Amino acid sequence: MTDFYIAIYILMVTFTLLVPFYLAGRLWFAFSPFAINYYSKERANWYNDWNTQRFLIVLNLFLVSLSLSFFWGGKILEDIHAEKIDFTQILFYIILQILAVILFEVKMEHPFKPIQAFKKFKKNSYSERFEFREKQDAADKIEHHSNELKREFLKVGTKISNELNNQQIILSETNELAKHNNIILQESDFAFEIKKNPNMVIDDILRDYFISKDSERVLSDFLLRKKNSGKILFTKPARNGVSVKPILDFFSTFTNVMESCKSGTITQAETCKIINAVTSAKDRLGNIAEEPINSRNLSKYLSNSDVQDDI
């Protein structure tokens, strides 16, 4: 991979691996007091700012981040490794991971200060940090706050779900468009076969077969798109008439017309008609012959005789 792909790959690995691990570490500060108080003699209603619902919120945010990394991040990494980058997917993926981190930190003690939270966690014992309060008004306030957090989390979950659905729709439409383009590329305007050659260079073909630069687009349509957008003009000069050898060599190399003629699948008259339909040639005076191929010069070519420059 190039340096660019390596940089994108490292960025995606960071968001795919480090974000869930970071949230898992922060989750421990919510899980450990929750578990200790749940299985001790005190009730698990709430202690300090913490309660059961708040723990479930940060747990679900962690699971959302982990799911994004496992199901979506892994696929994006595979695409980058194959040097196929979809910047739209990468952007939404990073935004969703950052959003999960922000919402997670907002619910934690010492938001966005994990080192400070860790120092306080190590310094104070559980009994000092998580004292139960029995005032009913405080309990009501905590319950109200938890309900608000629950509604906020549901909204975020709905947005994430809708975005994932939109991405799936975009991917499906892209696949359908690719299939449609493949079907179009396989269709041809010609009754004969145009041979596939992955190493074709249009400029080299123009030079090697004495084809006019003005015919470059027509030649590309003929060889690459199998579409008829005009006649290919051959310009090699001859002493008399036109030079037909480059034309017949061209059709021998890039089509099966000459092979079909030699095998008797099509007649020489039909071969002439097929070639003249898509080619023209200049004579030594610069005049254009619209039908340069005839039975005489075609027969000479097929019999392996030297085709004269002047026919």
C-alpha atoms as a PDB file:
ATOM      1  CA  MET A   1       0.000   0.000   0.000  1.00  0.00           C
ATOM      2  CA  THR A   2       1.096   3.603  -0.597  1.00  0.00           C
ATOM      3  CA  ASP A   3       1.859   6.018   2.243  1.00  0.00           C
ATOM      4  CA  PHE A   4      -1.598   7.542   1.821  1.00  0.00           C
ATOM      5  CA  TYR A   5      -3.358   4.197   2.222  1.00  0.00           C
ATOM      6  CA  ILE A   6      -1.114   3.325   5.192  1.00  0.00           C
ATOM      7  CA  ALA A   7      -2.033   6.602   6.923  1.00  0.00           C
ATOM      8  CA  ILE A   8      -5.762   5.991   6.409  1.00  0.00           C
ATOM      9  CA  TYR A   9      -5.313   2.381   7.562  1.00  0.00           C
ATOM     10  CA  ILE A  10      -3.561   3.469  10.799  1.00  0.00           C
ATOM     11  CA  LEU A  11      -6.299   6.040  11.470  1.00  0.00           C
ATOM     12  CA  MET A  12      -9.011   3.390  11.060  1.00  0.00           C
ATOM     13  CA  VAL A  13      -7.124   0.901  13.254  1.00  0.00           C
ATOM     14  CA  THR A  14      -6.947   3.592  15.942  1.00  0.00           C
ATOM     15  CA  PHE A  15     -10.695   4.148  15.925  1.00  0.00           C
ATOM     16  CA  THR A  16     -11.493   0.445  15.509  1.00  0.00           C
ATOM     17  CA  LEU A  17      -9.295  -0.917  18.314  1.00  0.00           C
ATOM     18  CA  LEU A  18      -8.379   1.888  20.709  1.00  0.00           C
ATOM     19  CA  VAL A  19     -11.830   3.474  21.108  1.00  0.00           C
ATOM     20  CA  PRO A  20     -13.546   0.253  22.378  1.00  0.00           C
ATOM     21  CA  PHE A  21     -10.527  -0.517  24.620  1.00  0.00           C
ATOM     22  CA  TYR A  22     -10.595   3.005  26.032  1.00  0.00           C
ATOM     23  CA  LEU A  23     -14.342   2.790  26.728  1.00  0.00           C
ATOM     24  CA  ALA A  24     -13.859  -0.647  28.310  1.00  0.00           C
ATOM     25  CA  GLY A  25     -11.288   0.828  30.699  1.00  0.00           C
ATOM     26  CA  ARG A  26     -13.567   3.706  31.609  1.00  0.00           C
ATOM     27  CA  LEU A  27     -16.484   1.285  31.987  1.00  0.00           C
ATOM     28  CA  TRP A  28     -14.654  -0.460  34.817  1.00  0.00           C
ATOM     29  CA  PHE A  29     -15.140   2.619  37.017  1.00  0.00           C
ATOM     30  CA  ALA A  30     -18.888   2.250  36.521  1.00  0.00           C
ATOM     31  CA  PHE A  31     -19.091  -1.545  36.685  1.00  0.00           C
ATOM     32  CA  SER A  32     -17.006  -2.276  39.805  1.00  0.00           C
ATOM     33  CA  PRO A  33     -18.993  -0.110  42.309  1.00  0.00           C
ATOM     34  CA  PHE A  34     -22.249  -1.206  40.692  1.00  0.00           C
ATOM     35  CA  ALA A  35     -21.418  -4.903  41.169  1.00  0.00           C
ATOM     36  CA  ILE A  36     -20.105  -4.473  44.730  1.00  0.00           C
ATOM     37  CA  ASN A  37     -23.137  -2.538  45.908  1.00  0.00           C
ATOM     38  CA  TYR A  38     -25.571  -4.818  44.083  1.00  0.00           C
ATOM     39  CA  TYR A  39     -24.309  -7.935  45.878  1.00  0.00           C
ATOM     40  CA  SER A  40     -23.760  -6.297  49.279  1.00  0.00           C
ATOM     41  CA  LYS A  41     -26.344  -5.574  51.954  1.00  0.00           C
ATOM     42  CA  GLU A  42     -27.081  -2.071  50.588  1.00  0.00           C
ATOM     43  CA  ARG A  43     -29.699  -1.571  47.925  1.00  0.00           C
ATOM     44  CA  ALA A  44     -28.593  -0.895  44.337  1.00  0.00           C
ATOM     45  CA  ASN A  45     -30.825   2.152  43.944  1.00  0.00           C
ATOM     46  CA  TRP A  46     -28.125   4.796  43.753  1.00  0.00           C
ATOM     47  CA  TYR A  47     -24.865   5.906  45.366  1.00  0.00           C
ATOM     48  CA  ASN A  48     -23.460   9.368  44.864  1.00  0.00           C
ATOM     49  CA  ASP A  49     -24.287  10.228  41.219  1.00  0.00           C
ATOM     50  CA  TRP A  50     -24.489   6.583  40.127  1.00  0.00           C
ATOM     51  CA  ASN A  51     -27.528   4.340  39.695  1.00  0.00           C
ATOM     52  CA  THR A  52     -28.518   1.232  37.765  1.00  0.00           C
ATOM     53  CA  GLN A  53     -29.911   3.081  34.741  1.00  0.00           C
ATOM     54  CA  ARG A  54     -26.821   5.241  34.354  1.00  0.00           C
ATOM     55  CA  PHE A  55     -24.610   2.167  34.374  1.00  0.00           C
ATOM     56  CA  LEU A  56     -26.770   0.542  31.701  1.00  0.00           C
ATOM     57  CA  ILE A  57     -26.465   3.684  29.543  1.00  0.00           C
ATOM     58  CA  VAL A  58     -22.646   3.679  29.520  1.00  0.00           C
ATOM     59  CA  LEU A  59     -22.636  -0.110  29.085  1.00  0.00           C
ATOM     60  CA  ASN A  60     -24.810   0.191  25.986  1.00  0.00           C
ATOM     61  CA  LEU A  61     -22.653   3.015  24.602  1.00  0.00           C
ATOM     62  CA  PHE A  62     -19.627   0.730  24.984  1.00  0.00           C
ATOM     63  CA  LEU A  63     -21.483  -2.096  23.221  1.00  0.00           C
ATOM     64  CA  VAL A  64     -22.471   0.279  20.381  1.00  0.00           C
ATOM     65  CA  SER A  65     -18.816   1.305  19.898  1.00  0.00           C
ATOM     66  CA  LEU A  66     -17.686  -2.329  20.040  1.00  0.00           C
ATOM     67  CA  SER A  67     -20.330  -3.368  17.486  1.00  0.00           C
ATOM     68  CA  LEU A  68     -19.332  -0.545  15.128  1.00  0.00           C
ATOM     69  CA  SER A  69     -15.693  -1.662  15.347  1.00  0.00           C
ATOM     70  CA  PHE A  70     -16.462  -5.346  14.851  1.00  0.00           C
ATOM     71  CA  PHE A  71     -19.055  -5.195  12.068  1.00  0.00           C
ATOM     72  CA  TRP A  72     -18.250  -1.933  10.256  1.00  0.00           C
ATOM     73  CA  GLY A  73     -14.658  -1.051  11.144  1.00  0.00           C
ATOM     74  CA  GLY A  74     -13.387  -4.478  10.136  1.00  0.00           C
ATOM     75  CA  LYS A  75     -15.053  -4.191   6.705  1.00  0.00           C
ATOM     76  CA  ILE A  76     -13.582  -0.713   6.125  1.00  0.00           C
ATOM     77  CA  LEU A  77     -10.097  -1.992   7.067  1.00  0.00           C
ATOM     78  CA  GLU A  78     -10.448  -4.821   4.543  1.00  0.00           C
ATOM     79  CA  ASP A  79     -11.459  -2.331   1.825  1.00  0.00           C
ATOM     80  CA  ILE A  80      -8.482  -0.049   2.641  1.00  0.00           C
ATOM     81  CA  HIS A  81      -6.115  -3.036   2.543  1.00  0.00           C
ATOM     82  CA  ALA A  82      -7.499  -3.752  -0.944  1.00  0.00           C
ATOM     83  CA  GLU A  83      -6.910  -0.037  -1.788  1.00  0.00           C
ATOM     84  CA  LYS A  84     -10.633   0.696  -2.125  1.00  0.00           C
ATOM     85  CA  ILE A  85     -11.457   3.732   0.013  1.00  0.00           C
ATOM     86  CA  ASP A  86     -14.983   4.997   0.588  1.00  0.00           C
ATOM     87  CA  PHE A  87     -14.450   8.349   2.337  1.00  0.00           C
ATOM     88  CA  THR A  88     -18.174   8.693   3.097  1.00  0.00           C
ATOM     89  CA  GLN A  89     -18.158   5.458   5.107  1.00  0.00           C
ATOM     90  CA  ILE A  90     -14.940   6.406   6.902  1.00  0.00           C
ATOM     91  CA  LEU A  91     -16.300   9.867   7.812  1.00  0.00           C
ATOM     92  CA  PHE A  92     -19.563   8.547   9.253  1.00  0.00           C
ATOM     93  CA  TYR A  93     -17.738   5.752  11.057  1.00  0.00           C
ATOM     94  CA  ILE A  94     -15.338   8.187  12.775  1.00  0.00           C
ATOM     95  CA  ILE A  95     -18.195  10.590  13.629  1.00  0.00           C
ATOM     96  CA  LEU A  96     -20.219   7.788  15.244  1.00  0.00           C
ATOM     97  CA  GLN A  97     -17.215   6.561  17.263  1.00  0.00           C
ATOM     98  CA  ILE A  98     -16.446  10.104  18.459  1.00  0.00           C
ATOM     99  CA  LEU A  99     -20.128  10.601  19.336  1.00  0.00           C
ATOM    100  CA  ALA A 100     -20.109   7.387  21.391  1.00  0.00           C
ATOM    101  CA  VAL A 101     -17.001   8.570  23.276  1.00  0.00           C
ATOM    102  CA  ILE A 102     -18.505  12.018  23.970  1.00  0.00           C
ATOM    103  CA  LEU A 103     -21.831  10.637  25.247  1.00  0.00           C
ATOM    104  CA  PHE A 104     -19.953   8.050  27.324  1.00  0.00           C
ATOM    105  CA  GLU A 105     -17.695  10.637  28.946  1.00  0.00           C
ATOM    106  CA  VAL A 106     -20.607  12.962  29.718  1.00  0.00           C
ATOM    107  CA  LYS A 107     -22.124  10.227  31.911  1.00  0.00           C
ATOM    108  CA  MET A 108     -18.864   9.438  33.744  1.00  0.00           C
ATOM    109  CA  GLU A 109     -17.307  11.030  36.822  1.00  0.00           C
ATOM    110  CA  HIS A 110     -14.648  13.584  35.836  1.00  0.00           C
ATOM    111  CA  PRO A 111     -15.740  13.793  32.153  1.00  0.00           C
ATOM    112  CA  PHE A 112     -12.829  13.740  29.688  1.00  0.00           C
ATOM    113  CA  LYS A 113     -10.361  13.397  32.620  1.00  0.00           C
ATOM    114  CA  PRO A 114      -9.718   9.641  32.861  1.00  0.00           C
ATOM    115  CA  ILE A 115      -6.368  10.044  34.661  1.00  0.00           C
ATOM    116  CA  GLN A 116      -7.946  12.205  37.392  1.00  0.00           C
ATOM    117  CA  ALA A 117     -10.768   9.679  37.756  1.00  0.00           C
ATOM    118  CA  PHE A 118      -8.272   6.838  38.094  1.00  0.00           C
ATOM    119  CA  LYS A 119      -6.264   8.662  40.798  1.00  0.00           C
ATOM    120  CA  LYS A 120      -9.407   9.314  42.844  1.00  0.00           C
ATOM    121  CA  PHE A 121     -10.549   5.730  42.337  1.00  0.00           C
ATOM    122  CA  LYS A 122      -7.235   4.420  43.745  1.00  0.00           C
ATOM    123  CA  LYS A 123      -7.080   6.940  46.598  1.00  0.00           C
ATOM    124  CA  ASN A 124     -10.527   6.500  48.204  1.00  0.00           C
ATOM    125  CA  SER A 125     -12.108   3.253  49.330  1.00  0.00           C
ATOM    126  CA  TYR A 126     -15.516   2.123  48.077  1.00  0.00           C
ATOM    127  CA  SER A 127     -17.166   2.791  51.426  1.00  0.00           C
ATOM    128  CA  GLU A 128     -15.997   6.416  51.363  1.00  0.00           C
ATOM    129  CA  ARG A 129     -16.874   7.045  47.762  1.00  0.00           C
ATOM    130  CA  PHE A 130     -20.264   5.383  47.498  1.00  0.00           C
ATOM    131  CA  GLU A 131     -22.326   6.327  50.517  1.00  0.00           C
ATOM    132  CA  PHE A 132     -26.070   5.776  50.171  1.00  0.00           C
ATOM    133  CA  ARG A 133     -28.368   8.738  50.682  1.00  0.00           C
ATOM    134  CA  GLU A 134     -31.846   8.151  51.956  1.00  0.00           C
ATOM    135  CA  LYS A 135     -33.514  11.489  51.154  1.00  0.00           C
ATOM    136  CA  GLN A 136     -36.568  10.966  49.011  1.00  0.00           C
ATOM    137  CA  ASP A 137     -36.243  14.267  47.143  1.00  0.00           C
ATOM    138  CA  ALA A 138     -32.715  13.356  46.076  1.00  0.00           C
ATOM    139  CA  ALA A 139     -33.935   9.960  44.897  1.00  0.00           C
ATOM    140  CA  ASP A 140     -36.688  11.612  42.865  1.00  0.00           C
ATOM    141  CA  LYS A 141     -34.168  13.983  41.327  1.00  0.00           C
ATOM    142  CA  ILE A 142     -31.893  11.094  40.358  1.00  0.00           C
ATOM    143  CA  GLU A 143     -34.792   9.153  38.850  1.00  0.00           C
ATOM    144  CA  HIS A 144     -35.858  12.180  36.811  1.00  0.00           C
ATOM    145  CA  HIS A 145     -32.292  12.679  35.589  1.00  0.00           C
ATOM    146  CA  SER A 146     -32.044   9.010  34.636  1.00  0.00           C
ATOM    147  CA  ASN A 147     -35.247   9.183  32.604  1.00  0.00           C
ATOM    148  CA  GLU A 148     -33.859  12.149  30.682  1.00  0.00           C
ATOM    149  CA  LEU A 149     -30.636  10.263  29.983  1.00  0.00           C
ATOM    150  CA  LYS A 150     -32.639   7.252  28.821  1.00  0.00           C
ATOM    151  CA  ARG A 151     -34.611   9.368  26.353  1.00  0.00           C
ATOM    152  CA  GLU A 152     -31.401  10.978  25.094  1.00  0.00           C
ATOM    153  CA  PHE A 153     -29.782   7.577  24.585  1.00  0.00           C
ATOM    154  CA  LEU A 154     -32.819   6.320  22.671  1.00  0.00           C
ATOM    155  CA  LYS A 155     -32.590   9.328  20.352  1.00  0.00           C
ATOM    156  CA  VAL A 156     -28.891   8.682  19.715  1.00  0.00           C
ATOM    157  CA  GLY A 157     -29.586   4.988  19.109  1.00  0.00           C
ATOM    158  CA  THR A 158     -32.303   5.881  16.592  1.00  0.00           C
ATOM    159  CA  LYS A 159     -29.972   8.266  14.742  1.00  0.00           C
ATOM    160  CA  ILE A 160     -27.227   5.620  14.595  1.00  0.00           C
ATOM    161  CA  SER A 161     -29.690   3.013  13.341  1.00  0.00           C
ATOM    162  CA  ASN A 162     -31.024   5.370  10.638  1.00  0.00           C
ATOM    163  CA  GLU A 163     -27.504   6.242   9.504  1.00  0.00           C
ATOM    164  CA  LEU A 164     -26.544   2.573   9.233  1.00  0.00           C
ATOM    165  CA  ASN A 165     -29.683   1.935   7.178  1.00  0.00           C
ATOM    166  CA  ASN A 166     -28.811   4.855   4.880  1.00  0.00           C
ATOM    167  CA  GLN A 167     -25.323   3.465   4.370  1.00  0.00           C
ATOM    168  CA  GLN A 168     -26.778   0.064   3.494  1.00  0.00           C
ATOM    169  CA  ILE A 169     -29.104   1.679   0.934  1.00  0.00           C
ATOM    170  CA  ILE A 170     -26.159   3.589  -0.623  1.00  0.00           C
ATOM    171  CA  LEU A 171     -24.104   0.391  -0.856  1.00  0.00           C
ATOM    172  CA  SER A 172     -27.004  -1.462  -2.494  1.00  0.00           C
ATOM    173  CA  GLU A 173     -27.524   1.317  -5.051  1.00  0.00           C
ATOM    174  CA  THR A 174     -23.781   1.355  -5.810  1.00  0.00           C
ATOM    175  CA  ASN A 175     -23.783  -2.400  -6.409  1.00  0.00           C
ATOM    176  CA  GLU A 176     -26.780  -2.148  -8.736  1.00  0.00           C
ATOM    177  CA  LEU A 177     -25.109   0.675 -10.689  1.00  0.00           C
ATOM    178  CA  ALA A 178     -21.932  -1.391 -11.056  1.00  0.00           C
ATOM    179  CA  LYS A 179     -23.950  -4.373 -12.335  1.00  0.00           C
ATOM    180  CA  HIS A 180     -25.778  -2.130 -14.826  1.00  0.00           C
ATOM    181  CA  ASN A 181     -22.478  -0.684 -16.101  1.00  0.00           C
ATOM    182  CA  ASN A 182     -21.037  -4.169 -16.554  1.00  0.00           C
ATOM    183  CA  ILE A 183     -24.051  -5.173 -18.616  1.00  0.00           C
ATOM    184  CA  ILE A 184     -23.650  -2.068 -20.804  1.00  0.00           C
ATOM    185  CA  LEU A 185     -19.940  -2.736 -21.286  1.00  0.00           C
ATOM    186  CA  GLN A 186     -20.671  -6.278 -22.453  1.00  0.00           C
ATOM    187  CA  GLU A 187     -23.096  -5.109 -25.152  1.00  0.00           C
ATOM    188  CA  SER A 188     -21.710  -4.437 -28.646  1.00  0.00           C
ATOM    189  CA  ASP A 189     -22.850  -2.547 -31.741  1.00  0.00           C
ATOM    190  CA  PHE A 190     -21.029  -5.053 -33.963  1.00  0.00           C
ATOM    191  CA  ALA A 191     -21.920  -8.560 -35.120  1.00  0.00           C
ATOM    192  CA  PHE A 192     -18.299  -9.697 -34.916  1.00  0.00           C
ATOM    193  CA  GLU A 193     -16.116 -10.181 -31.847  1.00  0.00           C
ATOM    194  CA  ILE A 194     -13.729  -7.506 -30.611  1.00  0.00           C
ATOM    195  CA  LYS A 195     -10.898  -9.249 -28.779  1.00  0.00           C
ATOM    196  CA  LYS A 196     -10.112  -8.298 -25.181  1.00  0.00           C
ATOM    197  CA  ASN A 197      -6.626  -6.967 -24.602  1.00  0.00           C
ATOM    198  CA  PRO A 198      -5.890  -5.473 -21.153  1.00  0.00           C
ATOM    199  CA  ASN A 199      -2.633  -3.913 -22.353  1.00  0.00           C
ATOM    200  CA  MET A 200      -4.099  -1.815 -25.170  1.00  0.00           C
ATOM    201  CA  VAL A 201      -2.627   1.707 -25.441  1.00  0.00           C
ATOM    202  CA  ILE A 202      -4.585   3.875 -27.864  1.00  0.00           C
ATOM    203  CA  ASP A 203      -1.609   6.104 -28.725  1.00  0.00           C
ATOM    204  CA  ASP A 204       0.483   3.059 -29.682  1.00  0.00           C
ATOM    205  CA  ILE A 205      -2.310   1.684 -31.871  1.00  0.00           C
ATOM    206  CA  LEU A 206      -2.685   5.040 -33.633  1.00  0.00           C
ATOM    207  CA  ARG A 207       1.031   5.019 -34.433  1.00  0.00           C
ATOM    208  CA  ASP A 208       1.468   1.341 -35.313  1.00  0.00           C
ATOM    209  CA  TYR A 209      -1.506   1.153 -37.706  1.00  0.00           C
ATOM    210  CA  PHE A 210      -1.195   4.657 -39.232  1.00  0.00           C
ATOM    211  CA  ILE A 211      -4.550   5.828 -37.855  1.00  0.00           C
ATOM    212  CA  SER A 212      -5.415   9.526 -37.886  1.00  0.00           C
ATOM    213  CA  LYS A 213      -5.279  11.333 -34.543  1.00  0.00           C
ATOM    214  CA  ASP A 214      -8.738  12.673 -35.395  1.00  0.00           C
ATOM    215  CA  SER A 215     -10.038   9.087 -35.098  1.00  0.00           C
ATOM    216  CA  GLU A 216      -8.805   8.647 -31.514  1.00  0.00           C
ATOM    217  CA  ARG A 217     -12.291   8.872 -29.936  1.00  0.00           C
ATOM    218  CA  VAL A 218     -13.828   6.610 -32.607  1.00  0.00           C
ATOM    219  CA  LEU A 219     -11.016   4.074 -32.089  1.00  0.00           C
ATOM    220  CA  SER A 220     -11.505   4.123 -28.308  1.00  0.00           C
ATOM    221  CA  ASP A 221     -15.249   3.594 -28.684  1.00  0.00           C
ATOM    222  CA  PHE A 222     -14.607   0.721 -31.086  1.00  0.00           C
ATOM    223  CA  LEU A 223     -12.039  -1.181 -28.986  1.00  0.00           C
ATOM    224  CA  LEU A 224     -13.052  -0.319 -25.408  1.00  0.00           C
ATOM    225  CA  ARG A 225     -16.805   0.311 -25.536  1.00  0.00           C
ATOM    226  CA  LYS A 226     -17.662  -1.761 -28.627  1.00  0.00           C
ATOM    227  CA  LYS A 227     -19.679   1.217 -29.879  1.00  0.00           C
ATOM    228  CA  ASN A 228     -19.923   2.587 -33.411  1.00  0.00           C
ATOM    229  CA  SER A 229     -19.356   6.350 -33.299  1.00  0.00           C
ATOM    230  CA  GLY A 230     -17.972   6.825 -36.816  1.00  0.00           C
ATOM    231  CA  LYS A 231     -15.310   5.568 -39.208  1.00  0.00           C
ATOM    232  CA  ILE A 232     -11.659   4.927 -38.327  1.00  0.00           C
ATOM    233  CA  LEU A 233      -9.424   6.801 -40.789  1.00  0.00           C
ATOM    234  CA  PHE A 234      -6.177   5.098 -41.899  1.00  0.00           C
ATOM    235  CA  THR A 235      -3.560   7.434 -43.351  1.00  0.00           C
ATOM    236  CA  LYS A 236      -0.569   5.364 -44.567  1.00  0.00           C
ATOM    237  CA  PRO A 237       0.333   6.687 -48.066  1.00  0.00           C
ATOM    238  CA  ALA A 238       0.557   4.413 -51.127  1.00  0.00           C
ATOM    239  CA  ARG A 239       1.996   4.923 -54.610  1.00  0.00           C
ATOM    240  CA  ASN A 240      -1.458   4.472 -56.096  1.00  0.00           C
ATOM    241  CA  GLY A 241      -4.811   4.173 -54.407  1.00  0.00           C
ATOM    242  CA  VAL A 242      -4.721   3.450 -50.655  1.00  0.00           C
ATOM    243  CA  SER A 243      -2.602   1.211 -48.442  1.00  0.00           C
ATOM    244  CA  VAL A 244      -4.876  -1.563 -47.138  1.00  0.00           C
ATOM    245  CA  LYS A 245      -2.367  -3.702 -45.218  1.00  0.00           C
ATOM    246  CA  PRO A 246      -2.602  -1.644 -41.970  1.00  0.00           C
ATOM    247  CA  ILE A 247      -6.400  -1.954 -42.140  1.00  0.00           C
ATOM    248  CA  LEU A 248      -6.376  -5.729 -42.590  1.00  0.00           C
ATOM    249  CA  ASP A 249      -3.625  -6.139 -39.970  1.00  0.00           C
ATOM    250  CA  PHE A 250      -5.711  -4.108 -37.543  1.00  0.00           C
ATOM    251  CA  PHE A 251      -8.782  -6.304 -38.046  1.00  0.00           C
ATOM    252  CA  SER A 252      -6.647  -9.459 -37.778  1.00  0.00           C
ATOM    253  CA  THR A 253      -5.201  -8.324 -34.450  1.00  0.00           C
ATOM    254  CA  PHE A 254      -8.214  -6.848 -32.683  1.00  0.00           C
ATOM    255  CA  THR A 255     -11.210  -8.736 -34.150  1.00  0.00           C
ATOM    256  CA  ASN A 256     -12.176 -12.218 -35.326  1.00  0.00           C
ATOM    257  CA  VAL A 257     -13.347 -10.987 -38.745  1.00  0.00           C
ATOM    258  CA  MET A 258     -10.326 -12.289 -40.659  1.00  0.00           C
ATOM    259  CA  GLU A 259     -10.432 -15.633 -38.825  1.00  0.00           C
ATOM    260  CA  SER A 260     -14.124 -16.023 -39.699  1.00  0.00           C
ATOM    261  CA  CYS A 261     -13.398 -15.225 -43.324  1.00  0.00           C
ATOM    262  CA  LYS A 262     -10.561 -17.757 -43.535  1.00  0.00           C
ATOM    263  CA  SER A 263     -12.709 -20.479 -41.911  1.00  0.00           C
ATOM    264  CA  GLY A 264     -15.597 -19.820 -44.312  1.00  0.00           C
ATOM    265  CA  THR A 265     -17.972 -18.605 -41.586  1.00  0.00           C
ATOM    266  CA  ILE A 266     -18.466 -15.427 -43.606  1.00  0.00           C
ATOM    267  CA  THR A 267     -17.746 -14.799 -47.296  1.00  0.00           C
ATOM    268  CA  GLN A 268     -15.118 -12.426 -48.654  1.00  0.00           C
ATOM    269  CA  ALA A 269     -17.855 -10.115 -49.907  1.00  0.00           C
ATOM    270  CA  GLU A 270     -19.367  -9.992 -46.418  1.00  0.00           C
ATOM    271  CA  THR A 271     -15.907  -9.385 -44.931  1.00  0.00           C
ATOM    272  CA  CYS A 272     -15.355  -6.413 -47.227  1.00  0.00           C
ATOM    273  CA  LYS A 273     -18.730  -4.987 -46.304  1.00  0.00           C
ATOM    274  CA  ILE A 274     -18.042  -5.367 -42.559  1.00  0.00           C
ATOM    275  CA  ILE A 275     -14.619  -3.677 -42.734  1.00  0.00           C
ATOM    276  CA  ASN A 276     -15.712  -0.864 -45.055  1.00  0.00           C
ATOM    277  CA  ALA A 277     -18.594  -0.041 -42.716  1.00  0.00           C
ATOM    278  CA  VAL A 278     -16.199   1.119 -39.996  1.00  0.00           C
ATOM    279  CA  THR A 279     -13.068   2.230 -41.901  1.00  0.00           C
ATOM    280  CA  SER A 280     -11.900   4.718 -44.491  1.00  0.00           C
ATOM    281  CA  ALA A 281      -8.441   5.519 -45.876  1.00  0.00           C
ATOM    282  CA  LYS A 282      -6.498   8.363 -47.502  1.00  0.00           C
ATOM    283  CA  ASP A 283      -4.720   7.994 -50.815  1.00  0.00           C
ATOM    284  CA  ARG A 284      -1.430   9.713 -51.644  1.00  0.00           C
ATOM    285  CA  LEU A 285      -3.284  12.833 -52.794  1.00  0.00           C
ATOM    286  CA  GLY A 286      -5.172  13.123 -49.526  1.00  0.00           C
ATOM    287  CA  ASN A 287      -8.507  12.027 -50.915  1.00  0.00           C
ATOM    288  CA  ILE A 288     -10.573   9.764 -48.677  1.00  0.00           C
ATOM    289  CA  ALA A 289     -11.740   6.362 -49.907  1.00  0.00           C
ATOM    290  CA  GLU A 290     -14.879   5.383 -48.026  1.00  0.00           C
ATOM    291  CA  GLU A 291     -14.623   1.732 -49.124  1.00  0.00           C
ATOM    292  CA  PRO A 292     -10.905   0.879 -49.228  1.00  0.00           C
ATOM    293  CA  ILE A 293     -11.295  -2.920 -49.065  1.00  0.00           C
ATOM    294  CA  ASN A 294     -12.391  -4.982 -52.084  1.00  0.00           C
ATOM    295  CA  SER A 295     -12.310  -8.648 -53.052  1.00  0.00           C
ATOM    296  CA  ARG A 296      -9.014  -8.218 -54.953  1.00  0.00           C
ATOM    297  CA  ASN A 297      -6.874  -6.760 -52.152  1.00  0.00           C
ATOM    298  CA  LEU A 298      -8.584  -8.945 -49.541  1.00  0.00           C
ATOM    299  CA  SER A 299      -7.789 -12.113 -51.533  1.00  0.00           C
ATOM    300  CA  LYS A 300      -4.135 -11.104 -51.792  1.00  0.00           C
ATOM    301  CA  TYR A 301      -3.971 -10.578 -48.028  1.00  0.00           C
ATOM    302  CA  LEU A 302      -5.653 -13.909 -47.225  1.00  0.00           C
ATOM    303  CA  SER A 303      -3.359 -15.800 -49.621  1.00  0.00           C
ATOM    304  CA  ASN A 304      -0.349 -14.442 -47.667  1.00  0.00           C
ATOM    305  CA  SER A 305       0.878 -12.666 -50.783  1.00  0.00           C
ATOM    306  CA  ASP A 306       2.522  -9.294 -50.400  1.00  0.00           C
ATOM    307  CA  VAL A 307      -0.190  -6.655 -50.408  1.00  0.00           C
ATOM    308  CA  GLN A 308       1.030  -3.823 -52.560  1.00  0.00           C
ATOM    309  CA  ASP A 309       0.877  -0.230 -51.337  1.00  0.00           C
ATOM    310  CA  ASP A 310      -0.817   0.692 -54.585  1.00  0.00           C
ATOM    311  CA  ILE A 311      -3.958  -1.366 -55.290  1.00  0.00           C
END
